[in-house]
Amino acid sequence: MSEAVTEATDREPLARPIHGKCLCGTVSLTLHRARPMVDMCHCTMCQTWGGGPFAGLSGASFDISGEEHVSIYRSSNWAERAFCSTCGSNLWYRFIPGDHTSFVAGLFDLPDDIGVLQQIFVDEQPNWYKFIADSPKKTGAEVMAEAKAAGFTFE
């Protein structure tokens, strides 16, 4: 693991819960013990879903208000994506085999010191955008190999 990733993962989760909401406010989220770093995904599916990269934020647990307005789309055999059925705001990505939910970082009012933990699927990143953030970068093949090494299977 690179020194930047080790330093980032050593950071303590945010002490206070953070609150977020969709564009219309129908769906509200509270994220507890949020990791103070976002993961950036450049895969073509995230680009199609949100018009650019996905900036994901995760925590130890979460609460949802307005859950009856959440629509879930199974985007692959291993993932689902959620959005507000009223305004269309993207809400989260869930990696099903690991039951890991990553929320759209832009839904939350975040502290200024939130950084980028890593960027994944950098081999699918289009030339029309580049990030300045100095963070580890992995290709899609590297991400899939790590997931398989961790015991996940994909059909």
Protein backbone atom coordinates (compact mmCIF):
# COMPACT_ATOMS: atom_id res chain seq x y z
CA MET A 1 0.00 0.00 0.00
CA SER A 2 1.37 3.42 -0.88
CA GLU A 3 2.32 5.88 1.84
CA ALA A 4 -0.53 8.23 0.78
CA VAL A 5 -3.14 5.45 1.15
CA THR A 6 -1.74 4.32 4.52
CA GLU A 7 -1.86 7.90 5.82
CA ALA A 8 -5.41 8.39 4.50
CA THR A 9 -6.76 5.14 5.91
CA ASP A 10 -5.21 5.94 9.29
CA ARG A 11 -7.40 9.03 9.62
CA GLU A 12 -10.13 8.74 12.23
CA PRO A 13 -13.74 8.64 11.04
CA LEU A 14 -15.69 11.86 11.44
CA ALA A 15 -16.91 12.10 15.05
CA ARG A 16 -20.25 13.70 14.23
CA PRO A 17 -22.81 12.24 11.88
CA ILE A 18 -23.07 14.01 8.54
CA HIS A 19 -26.37 14.77 6.91
CA GLY A 20 -27.25 14.85 3.25
CA LYS A 21 -30.26 15.01 1.02
CA CYS A 22 -31.33 14.68 -2.56
CA LEU A 23 -32.03 17.73 -4.71
CA CYS A 24 -35.71 17.98 -3.73
CA GLY A 25 -35.14 17.00 -0.08
CA THR A 26 -37.54 14.05 -0.22
CA VAL A 27 -34.76 11.61 0.70
CA SER A 28 -32.49 12.49 3.63
CA LEU A 29 -29.43 10.52 4.69
CA THR A 30 -27.40 10.45 7.88
CA LEU A 31 -24.00 8.82 7.69
CA HIS A 32 -22.37 7.77 10.98
CA ARG A 33 -18.60 7.61 11.46
CA ALA A 34 -17.99 8.65 7.86
CA ARG A 35 -14.56 7.99 6.45
CA PRO A 36 -12.97 11.43 5.81
CA MET A 37 -11.96 10.42 2.28
CA VAL A 38 -13.84 9.77 -0.96
CA ASP A 39 -13.19 7.07 -3.52
CA MET A 40 -13.35 8.23 -7.13
CA CYS A 41 -14.56 5.79 -9.78
CA HIS A 42 -13.97 6.52 -13.46
CA CYS A 43 -15.66 3.42 -14.92
CA THR A 44 -17.88 3.92 -17.95
CA MET A 45 -20.94 2.77 -16.00
CA CYS A 46 -20.43 5.51 -13.36
CA GLN A 47 -19.85 8.03 -16.15
CA THR A 48 -23.13 7.02 -17.80
CA TRP A 49 -24.96 7.05 -14.46
CA GLY A 50 -23.80 10.47 -13.31
CA GLY A 51 -22.26 12.23 -16.29
CA GLY A 52 -18.72 11.95 -14.92
CA PRO A 53 -16.79 10.20 -12.18
CA PHE A 54 -18.49 8.87 -9.05
CA ALA A 55 -17.24 10.36 -5.77
CA GLY A 56 -18.23 7.86 -3.09
CA LEU A 57 -18.33 8.35 0.65
CA SER A 58 -18.86 5.55 3.16
CA GLY A 59 -19.31 5.17 6.90
CA ALA A 60 -19.95 2.67 9.65
CA SER A 61 -23.74 2.92 9.34
CA PHE A 62 -26.46 5.10 7.86
CA ASP A 63 -30.08 6.11 8.29
CA ILE A 64 -32.54 6.99 5.53
CA SER A 65 -35.62 9.16 5.72
CA GLY A 66 -38.00 9.09 2.76
CA GLU A 67 -37.01 5.55 1.83
CA GLU A 68 -40.33 5.07 0.02
CA HIS A 69 -39.01 7.55 -2.60
CA VAL A 70 -35.83 5.55 -3.24
CA SER A 71 -35.68 3.53 -6.46
CA ILE A 72 -33.02 0.89 -6.90
CA TYR A 73 -31.56 -0.23 -10.20
CA ARG A 74 -29.54 -3.45 -10.41
CA SER A 75 -26.77 -2.23 -12.73
CA SER A 76 -24.81 -5.50 -12.85
CA ASN A 77 -24.67 -8.94 -11.24
CA TRP A 78 -22.71 -7.46 -8.34
CA ALA A 79 -23.99 -3.90 -7.94
CA GLU A 80 -27.04 -1.74 -7.51
CA ARG A 81 -27.50 2.00 -7.73
CA ALA A 82 -30.15 4.06 -5.98
CA PHE A 83 -31.80 7.34 -6.88
CA CYS A 84 -34.64 9.55 -5.69
CA SER A 85 -37.78 8.69 -7.64
CA THR A 86 -39.03 12.28 -7.24
CA CYS A 87 -36.09 14.42 -8.43
CA GLY A 88 -33.77 11.77 -9.92
CA SER A 89 -30.76 12.56 -7.71
CA ASN A 90 -28.28 9.70 -7.53
CA LEU A 91 -27.98 8.49 -3.93
CA TRP A 92 -25.67 5.50 -3.63
CA TYR A 93 -23.83 2.59 -5.17
CA ARG A 94 -23.93 -0.75 -3.33
CA PHE A 95 -21.41 -3.53 -3.95
CA ILE A 96 -23.70 -6.50 -3.28
CA PRO A 97 -21.19 -9.31 -2.50
CA GLY A 98 -19.54 -7.26 0.24
CA ASP A 99 -22.72 -5.41 1.23
CA HIS A 100 -20.79 -2.13 1.00
CA THR A 101 -22.70 1.09 0.32
CA SER A 102 -20.95 4.15 -1.03
CA PHE A 103 -22.95 7.39 -1.04
CA VAL A 104 -22.70 10.23 -3.52
CA ALA A 105 -20.38 12.65 -1.71
CA GLY A 106 -22.11 15.68 -3.19
CA LEU A 107 -25.27 14.96 -1.17
CA PHE A 108 -23.50 15.94 2.05
CA ASP A 109 -22.22 19.19 3.52
CA LEU A 110 -18.67 17.99 4.11
CA PRO A 111 -15.79 19.45 6.11
CA ASP A 112 -13.08 21.20 4.09
CA ASP A 113 -10.42 18.56 4.83
CA ILE A 114 -12.16 15.69 2.98
CA GLY A 115 -9.68 14.21 0.52
CA VAL A 116 -9.43 11.56 -2.16
CA LEU A 117 -8.46 8.10 -0.93
CA GLN A 118 -8.02 6.52 -4.35
CA GLN A 119 -9.15 6.64 -7.95
CA ILE A 120 -10.27 3.41 -9.61
CA PHE A 121 -10.92 2.36 -13.20
CA VAL A 122 -8.51 5.09 -14.31
CA ASP A 123 -8.06 3.21 -17.58
CA GLU A 124 -11.67 4.15 -18.45
CA GLN A 125 -11.30 7.84 -17.58
CA PRO A 126 -11.98 10.03 -20.62
CA ASN A 127 -9.46 12.62 -21.75
CA TRP A 128 -11.87 15.51 -21.21
CA TYR A 129 -11.36 15.60 -17.42
CA LYS A 130 -8.37 15.23 -15.12
CA PHE A 131 -8.05 15.50 -11.34
CA ILE A 132 -5.32 17.29 -9.51
CA ALA A 133 -5.67 15.15 -6.37
CA ASP A 134 -2.58 13.11 -5.64
CA SER A 135 -4.02 9.72 -4.85
CA PRO A 136 -3.36 6.10 -5.78
CA LYS A 137 -4.80 5.11 -9.13
CA LYS A 138 -5.88 1.62 -10.24
CA THR A 139 -7.01 0.23 -13.57
CA GLY A 140 -10.22 -1.75 -13.91
CA ALA A 141 -8.19 -4.97 -14.24
CA GLU A 142 -6.36 -4.19 -10.98
CA VAL A 143 -9.64 -3.51 -9.14
CA MET A 144 -11.19 -6.75 -10.40
CA ALA A 145 -8.06 -8.76 -9.52
CA GLU A 146 -8.10 -7.36 -5.97
CA ALA A 147 -11.79 -8.22 -5.59
CA LYS A 148 -11.20 -11.77 -6.85
CA ALA A 149 -8.19 -12.14 -4.52
CA ALA A 150 -10.49 -11.10 -1.66
CA GLY A 151 -12.81 -13.97 -2.56
CA PHE A 152 -15.50 -12.19 -4.58
CA THR A 153 -16.78 -13.88 -7.73
CA PHE A 154 -18.35 -12.26 -10.76
CA GLU A 155 -20.61 -13.93 -13.28
